[in-house]
């Protein structure tokens, strides 16, 4: 007799890379995920996406550099990306083919990703420093 038990699928975490091939660290925030045999919600306490993005050193990029945000084999059904700056300004980002473009102005920028799948949702952040 053979029994097959599948390992619960975990929520995806995006891979974020620059057009120059540099991999960016991503902070995982709160999420809910329902796998084949289990479900869980995890609350991670951050005051805002800027605090999430500050968990790692910002990645230095050139103005207008392309940054890819991909979830591998589990692309979300819906994804929203916001750009945050330290003075509190928030801007929704238009993205095509899972890419965002770094701003033209020098400065520190935080990106907040909200992604939704049929199995759940997740929140993520990363930081760019335009040089």
N, C-alpha and C. Protein backbone atom coordinates (compact mmCIF):
# COMPACT_ATOMS: atom_id res chain seq x y z
N UNK A 1 0.84 -1.16 0.00
CA UNK A 1 0.00 0.00 0.00
C UNK A 1 0.89 1.24 0.00
N UNK A 2 0.53 2.24 -0.76
CA UNK A 2 1.32 3.45 -0.91
C UNK A 2 0.45 4.65 -0.54
N UNK A 3 0.95 5.48 0.37
CA UNK A 3 0.24 6.70 0.75
C UNK A 3 1.04 7.90 0.26
N UNK A 4 0.34 8.86 -0.28
CA UNK A 4 1.00 10.07 -0.76
C UNK A 4 0.49 11.25 0.04
N UNK A 5 1.39 11.95 0.69
CA UNK A 5 1.04 13.15 1.44
C UNK A 5 1.76 14.33 0.81
N UNK A 6 1.01 15.31 0.40
CA UNK A 6 1.66 16.48 -0.20
C UNK A 6 2.07 17.45 0.90
N UNK A 7 3.17 18.10 0.68
CA UNK A 7 3.64 19.13 1.61
C UNK A 7 2.84 20.39 1.32
N UNK A 8 2.31 21.05 2.34
CA UNK A 8 1.53 22.27 2.08
C UNK A 8 2.36 23.29 1.31
N UNK A 9 1.77 23.84 0.29
CA UNK A 9 2.42 24.89 -0.49
C UNK A 9 2.47 26.15 0.34
N UNK A 10 3.63 26.79 0.38
CA UNK A 10 3.77 28.04 1.12
C UNK A 10 3.47 29.23 0.22
N UNK A 11 3.16 30.36 0.85
CA UNK A 11 2.90 31.57 0.08
C UNK A 11 4.17 31.96 -0.67
N UNK A 12 4.02 32.43 -1.89
CA UNK A 12 5.19 32.85 -2.67
C UNK A 12 5.80 34.14 -2.13
N UNK A 13 7.10 34.27 -2.30
CA UNK A 13 7.82 35.50 -1.98
C UNK A 13 8.46 35.96 -3.28
N UNK A 14 8.30 37.24 -3.64
CA UNK A 14 8.82 37.67 -4.95
C UNK A 14 10.34 37.68 -5.02
N UNK A 15 10.81 37.46 -6.22
CA UNK A 15 12.22 37.65 -6.54
C UNK A 15 12.30 39.02 -7.22
N UNK A 16 13.11 39.90 -6.66
CA UNK A 16 13.24 41.26 -7.19
C UNK A 16 14.68 41.43 -7.67
N UNK A 17 14.84 41.78 -8.95
CA UNK A 17 16.17 41.95 -9.53
C UNK A 17 16.20 43.21 -10.40
N UNK A 18 17.39 43.80 -10.50
CA UNK A 18 17.56 44.95 -11.38
C UNK A 18 17.88 44.45 -12.78
N UNK A 19 17.77 45.33 -13.75
CA UNK A 19 18.11 44.98 -15.13
C UNK A 19 19.59 44.64 -15.27
N UNK A 20 20.41 45.05 -14.29
CA UNK A 20 21.84 44.73 -14.29
C UNK A 20 22.09 43.36 -13.64
N UNK A 21 21.02 42.68 -13.20
CA UNK A 21 21.15 41.34 -12.63
C UNK A 21 21.38 41.30 -11.14
N UNK A 22 21.27 42.44 -10.46
CA UNK A 22 21.46 42.50 -9.01
C UNK A 22 20.19 42.08 -8.30
N UNK A 23 20.30 41.16 -7.35
CA UNK A 23 19.14 40.69 -6.58
C UNK A 23 18.91 41.60 -5.37
N UNK A 24 17.66 41.99 -5.15
CA UNK A 24 17.32 42.88 -4.04
C UNK A 24 16.71 42.08 -2.90
N UNK A 25 17.07 42.42 -1.65
CA UNK A 25 16.42 41.76 -0.52
C UNK A 25 14.98 42.26 -0.38
N UNK A 26 14.08 41.34 -0.03
CA UNK A 26 12.66 41.65 0.11
C UNK A 26 12.22 41.31 1.52
N UNK A 27 11.53 42.24 2.16
CA UNK A 27 10.96 41.98 3.49
C UNK A 27 9.56 41.44 3.32
N UNK A 28 9.29 40.32 3.97
CA UNK A 28 7.95 39.74 3.93
C UNK A 28 7.15 40.30 5.10
N UNK A 29 5.96 40.78 4.78
CA UNK A 29 5.07 41.29 5.81
C UNK A 29 4.01 40.26 6.16
N UNK A 30 2.87 40.73 6.61
CA UNK A 30 1.77 39.84 6.99
C UNK A 30 1.24 39.09 5.78
N UNK A 31 0.74 37.88 6.04
CA UNK A 31 0.16 37.08 4.96
C UNK A 31 -0.85 36.09 5.52
N UNK A 32 -1.72 35.63 4.64
CA UNK A 32 -2.62 34.50 4.91
C UNK A 32 -2.46 33.54 3.75
N UNK A 33 -2.40 32.25 4.05
CA UNK A 33 -2.20 31.27 2.98
C UNK A 33 -2.90 29.96 3.36
N UNK A 34 -3.61 29.42 2.38
CA UNK A 34 -4.30 28.15 2.57
C UNK A 34 -3.68 27.13 1.62
N UNK A 35 -2.94 26.18 2.19
CA UNK A 35 -2.33 25.10 1.40
C UNK A 35 -3.28 23.92 1.34
N UNK A 36 -2.84 22.81 0.72
CA UNK A 36 -3.71 21.63 0.57
C UNK A 36 -4.16 21.03 1.90
N UNK A 37 -3.33 21.11 2.94
CA UNK A 37 -3.68 20.48 4.21
C UNK A 37 -3.65 21.41 5.41
N UNK A 38 -3.31 22.66 5.19
CA UNK A 38 -3.25 23.59 6.32
C UNK A 38 -3.48 25.01 5.83
N UNK A 39 -3.79 25.85 6.79
CA UNK A 39 -3.98 27.27 6.50
C UNK A 39 -3.43 28.06 7.68
N UNK A 40 -2.87 29.24 7.37
CA UNK A 40 -2.38 30.08 8.46
C UNK A 40 -2.38 31.54 8.04
N UNK A 41 -2.53 32.38 9.04
CA UNK A 41 -2.37 33.81 8.86
C UNK A 41 -1.27 34.24 9.83
N UNK A 42 -0.34 35.03 9.33
CA UNK A 42 0.77 35.51 10.14
C UNK A 42 0.75 37.03 10.08
N UNK A 43 0.69 37.66 11.25
CA UNK A 43 0.72 39.11 11.33
C UNK A 43 2.11 39.56 11.73
N UNK A 44 2.73 40.35 10.89
CA UNK A 44 4.04 40.92 11.19
C UNK A 44 3.81 42.41 11.39
N UNK A 45 4.26 42.91 12.52
CA UNK A 45 3.94 44.27 12.91
C UNK A 45 4.99 45.25 12.39
N UNK A 46 4.56 46.07 11.43
CA UNK A 46 5.36 47.17 10.92
C UNK A 46 4.44 48.39 10.93
N UNK A 47 5.00 49.56 11.25
CA UNK A 47 4.15 50.76 11.28
C UNK A 47 3.70 51.16 9.89
N UNK A 48 4.56 50.92 8.88
CA UNK A 48 4.21 51.27 7.50
C UNK A 48 5.19 50.58 6.55
N UNK A 49 4.96 50.66 5.25
CA UNK A 49 5.88 50.04 4.29
C UNK A 49 7.31 50.58 4.34
N UNK A 50 7.49 51.82 4.80
CA UNK A 50 8.84 52.36 4.93
C UNK A 50 9.62 51.57 5.98
N UNK A 51 8.99 51.31 7.11
CA UNK A 51 9.65 50.51 8.15
C UNK A 51 9.96 49.11 7.61
N UNK A 52 9.06 48.53 6.83
CA UNK A 52 9.33 47.22 6.22
C UNK A 52 10.56 47.29 5.32
N UNK A 53 10.59 48.32 4.47
CA UNK A 53 11.70 48.47 3.53
C UNK A 53 13.03 48.72 4.19
N UNK A 54 13.02 49.28 5.40
CA UNK A 54 14.26 49.58 6.11
C UNK A 54 14.86 48.36 6.80
N UNK A 55 14.26 47.20 6.66
CA UNK A 55 14.82 46.00 7.26
C UNK A 55 16.14 45.59 6.60
N UNK A 56 16.36 46.06 5.38
CA UNK A 56 17.60 45.79 4.64
C UNK A 56 18.14 47.11 4.10
N UNK A 57 19.44 47.13 3.83
CA UNK A 57 20.04 48.30 3.20
C UNK A 57 19.40 48.50 1.83
N UNK A 58 19.13 49.74 1.43
CA UNK A 58 18.57 49.96 0.09
C UNK A 58 19.58 49.58 -0.99
N UNK A 59 19.07 49.11 -2.09
CA UNK A 59 19.91 48.74 -3.22
C UNK A 59 20.12 49.98 -4.09
N UNK A 60 21.37 50.26 -4.41
CA UNK A 60 21.69 51.43 -5.24
C UNK A 60 21.42 51.10 -6.71
N UNK A 61 20.68 52.00 -7.36
CA UNK A 61 20.33 51.83 -8.78
C UNK A 61 20.52 53.15 -9.51
N UNK A 62 20.58 53.06 -10.81
CA UNK A 62 20.68 54.24 -11.66
C UNK A 62 19.28 54.80 -11.91
N UNK A 63 19.17 56.09 -12.23
CA UNK A 63 17.86 56.64 -12.61
C UNK A 63 17.28 55.86 -13.79
N UNK A 64 15.99 55.65 -13.76
CA UNK A 64 15.25 54.95 -14.82
C UNK A 64 15.62 53.48 -14.99
N UNK A 65 16.34 52.91 -14.05
CA UNK A 65 16.72 51.49 -14.17
C UNK A 65 15.48 50.62 -13.98
N UNK A 66 15.37 49.58 -14.76
CA UNK A 66 14.25 48.64 -14.66
C UNK A 66 14.49 47.69 -13.49
N UNK A 67 13.41 47.40 -12.76
CA UNK A 67 13.46 46.46 -11.64
C UNK A 67 12.34 45.46 -11.85
N UNK A 68 12.70 44.20 -11.86
CA UNK A 68 11.75 43.11 -12.10
C UNK A 68 11.21 42.57 -10.78
N UNK A 69 9.89 42.36 -10.72
CA UNK A 69 9.22 41.78 -9.55
C UNK A 69 8.48 40.53 -10.04
N UNK A 70 8.98 39.35 -9.66
CA UNK A 70 8.39 38.11 -10.17
C UNK A 70 8.13 37.13 -9.03
N UNK A 71 7.04 36.41 -9.18
CA UNK A 71 6.66 35.40 -8.20
C UNK A 71 6.88 33.99 -8.73
N UNK A 72 7.75 33.82 -9.70
CA UNK A 72 8.07 32.50 -10.22
C UNK A 72 6.88 31.82 -10.84
N UNK A 73 6.63 30.58 -10.44
CA UNK A 73 5.56 29.79 -11.03
C UNK A 73 4.20 30.06 -10.41
N UNK A 74 4.13 31.00 -9.47
CA UNK A 74 2.86 31.31 -8.82
C UNK A 74 2.52 32.79 -8.96
N UNK A 75 2.34 33.28 -10.20
CA UNK A 75 2.02 34.71 -10.34
C UNK A 75 0.69 35.03 -9.67
N UNK A 76 0.61 36.17 -9.01
CA UNK A 76 -0.64 36.53 -8.34
C UNK A 76 -1.74 36.85 -9.33
N UNK A 77 -2.98 36.67 -8.86
CA UNK A 77 -4.14 37.04 -9.67
C UNK A 77 -4.27 38.56 -9.72
N UNK A 78 -3.84 39.18 -8.64
CA UNK A 78 -3.90 40.65 -8.55
C UNK A 78 -2.67 41.12 -7.79
N UNK A 79 -2.06 42.21 -8.27
CA UNK A 79 -0.88 42.76 -7.61
C UNK A 79 -0.92 44.28 -7.70
N UNK A 80 -0.66 44.93 -6.57
CA UNK A 80 -0.58 46.38 -6.50
C UNK A 80 0.81 46.73 -5.97
N UNK A 81 1.46 47.70 -6.61
CA UNK A 81 2.76 48.16 -6.14
C UNK A 81 2.64 49.66 -5.87
N UNK A 82 3.07 50.06 -4.68
CA UNK A 82 3.08 51.47 -4.30
C UNK A 82 4.51 51.92 -4.04
N UNK A 83 4.78 53.17 -4.37
CA UNK A 83 6.08 53.78 -4.08
C UNK A 83 5.89 54.72 -2.90
N UNK A 84 6.70 54.56 -1.86
CA UNK A 84 6.64 55.39 -0.67
C UNK A 84 7.96 56.15 -0.52
N UNK A 85 7.89 57.37 -0.03
CA UNK A 85 9.09 58.13 0.32
C UNK A 85 8.93 58.60 1.76
N UNK A 86 10.05 58.97 2.39
CA UNK A 86 10.03 59.24 3.83
C UNK A 86 9.18 60.41 4.25
N UNK A 87 8.83 61.31 3.35
CA UNK A 87 7.97 62.42 3.76
C UNK A 87 6.49 62.01 3.76
N UNK A 88 6.22 60.72 3.52
CA UNK A 88 4.86 60.22 3.59
C UNK A 88 4.13 60.15 2.27
N UNK A 89 4.75 60.60 1.20
CA UNK A 89 4.09 60.58 -0.11
C UNK A 89 3.99 59.15 -0.62
N UNK A 90 2.79 58.77 -1.06
CA UNK A 90 2.54 57.43 -1.60
C UNK A 90 2.03 57.58 -3.02
N UNK A 91 2.56 56.75 -3.91
CA UNK A 91 2.18 56.82 -5.31
C UNK A 91 1.95 55.40 -5.84
N UNK A 92 0.81 55.18 -6.47
CA UNK A 92 0.57 53.90 -7.12
C UNK A 92 1.48 53.78 -8.33
N UNK A 93 2.01 52.61 -8.58
CA UNK A 93 2.96 52.41 -9.67
C UNK A 93 2.30 51.62 -10.79
N UNK A 94 2.43 52.14 -12.01
CA UNK A 94 2.03 51.37 -13.18
C UNK A 94 3.19 50.46 -13.52
N UNK A 95 2.90 49.20 -13.71
CA UNK A 95 3.98 48.27 -14.04
C UNK A 95 3.52 47.40 -15.19
N UNK A 96 4.48 47.10 -16.04
CA UNK A 96 4.22 46.25 -17.19
C UNK A 96 5.18 45.08 -17.15
N UNK A 97 4.70 43.92 -17.52
CA UNK A 97 5.52 42.72 -17.57
C UNK A 97 6.30 42.53 -16.29
N UNK A 98 5.68 42.79 -15.17
CA UNK A 98 6.29 42.61 -13.85
C UNK A 98 7.54 43.48 -13.64
N UNK A 99 7.58 44.65 -14.26
CA UNK A 99 8.71 45.55 -14.10
C UNK A 99 8.25 46.92 -13.63
N UNK A 100 9.07 47.53 -12.77
CA UNK A 100 8.89 48.93 -12.40
C UNK A 100 10.14 49.68 -12.84
N UNK A 101 10.02 50.95 -13.01
CA UNK A 101 11.15 51.77 -13.41
C UNK A 101 11.54 52.68 -12.25
N UNK A 102 12.82 52.68 -11.90
CA UNK A 102 13.30 53.54 -10.82
C UNK A 102 13.08 55.00 -11.21
N UNK A 103 12.82 55.86 -10.23
CA UNK A 103 12.62 57.28 -10.52
C UNK A 103 13.85 57.92 -11.16
N UNK A 104 13.65 59.10 -11.74
CA UNK A 104 14.76 59.84 -12.34
C UNK A 104 15.50 60.67 -11.30
N UNK A 105 14.79 61.06 -10.23
CA UNK A 105 15.39 61.91 -9.20
C UNK A 105 16.13 61.08 -8.17
N UNK A 106 17.30 61.57 -7.75
CA UNK A 106 18.07 60.89 -6.71
C UNK A 106 17.26 60.86 -5.42
N UNK A 107 17.44 59.80 -4.65
CA UNK A 107 16.75 59.71 -3.37
C UNK A 107 16.50 58.28 -2.96
N UNK A 108 15.84 58.13 -1.82
CA UNK A 108 15.52 56.83 -1.24
C UNK A 108 14.04 56.55 -1.47
N UNK A 109 13.74 55.40 -2.04
CA UNK A 109 12.37 55.03 -2.39
C UNK A 109 12.06 53.63 -1.85
N UNK A 110 10.86 53.49 -1.32
CA UNK A 110 10.41 52.21 -0.78
C UNK A 110 9.25 51.71 -1.63
N UNK A 111 9.25 50.44 -1.92
CA UNK A 111 8.19 49.84 -2.74
C UNK A 111 7.45 48.80 -1.92
N UNK A 112 6.14 48.93 -1.93
CA UNK A 112 5.25 48.07 -1.15
C UNK A 112 4.40 47.27 -2.14
N UNK A 113 4.43 45.97 -2.00
CA UNK A 113 3.71 45.07 -2.90
C UNK A 113 2.59 44.39 -2.13
N UNK A 114 1.39 44.44 -2.69
CA UNK A 114 0.24 43.69 -2.16
C UNK A 114 -0.16 42.71 -3.25
N UNK A 115 -0.13 41.42 -2.93
CA UNK A 115 -0.43 40.40 -3.92
C UNK A 115 -1.55 39.48 -3.42
N UNK A 116 -2.39 39.05 -4.35
CA UNK A 116 -3.56 38.23 -4.00
C UNK A 116 -3.61 37.00 -4.93
N UNK A 117 -3.79 35.84 -4.33
CA UNK A 117 -3.98 34.59 -5.04
C UNK A 117 -5.27 33.96 -4.54
N UNK A 118 -5.74 32.91 -5.19
CA UNK A 118 -6.95 32.24 -4.68
C UNK A 118 -6.67 31.58 -3.34
N UNK A 119 -5.39 31.24 -3.08
CA UNK A 119 -5.01 30.60 -1.81
C UNK A 119 -4.76 31.59 -0.68
N UNK A 120 -4.66 32.87 -0.99
CA UNK A 120 -4.40 33.85 0.07
C UNK A 120 -3.79 35.13 -0.44
N UNK A 121 -3.08 35.82 0.46
CA UNK A 121 -2.47 37.09 0.08
C UNK A 121 -1.16 37.30 0.82
N UNK A 122 -0.38 38.27 0.36
CA UNK A 122 0.88 38.58 1.00
C UNK A 122 1.25 40.03 0.78
N UNK A 123 2.10 40.54 1.67
CA UNK A 123 2.58 41.92 1.63
C UNK A 123 4.11 41.89 1.71
N UNK A 124 4.77 42.71 0.88
CA UNK A 124 6.22 42.66 0.76
C UNK A 124 6.73 44.09 0.55
N UNK A 125 8.03 44.30 0.86
CA UNK A 125 8.62 45.62 0.64
C UNK A 125 10.10 45.47 0.29
N UNK A 126 10.59 46.45 -0.48
CA UNK A 126 12.01 46.55 -0.76
C UNK A 126 12.35 48.04 -0.94
N UNK A 127 13.65 48.35 -0.87
CA UNK A 127 14.09 49.75 -0.93
C UNK A 127 15.12 49.94 -2.04
N UNK A 128 15.00 51.10 -2.72
CA UNK A 128 15.95 51.51 -3.76
C UNK A 128 16.53 52.85 -3.38
N UNK A 129 17.81 53.03 -3.68
CA UNK A 129 18.43 54.35 -3.56
C UNK A 129 18.90 54.73 -4.96
N UNK A 130 18.27 55.74 -5.53
CA UNK A 130 18.63 56.21 -6.86
C UNK A 130 19.84 57.13 -6.69
N UNK A 131 20.92 56.79 -7.38
CA UNK A 131 22.18 57.55 -7.29
C UNK A 131 22.36 58.47 -8.47
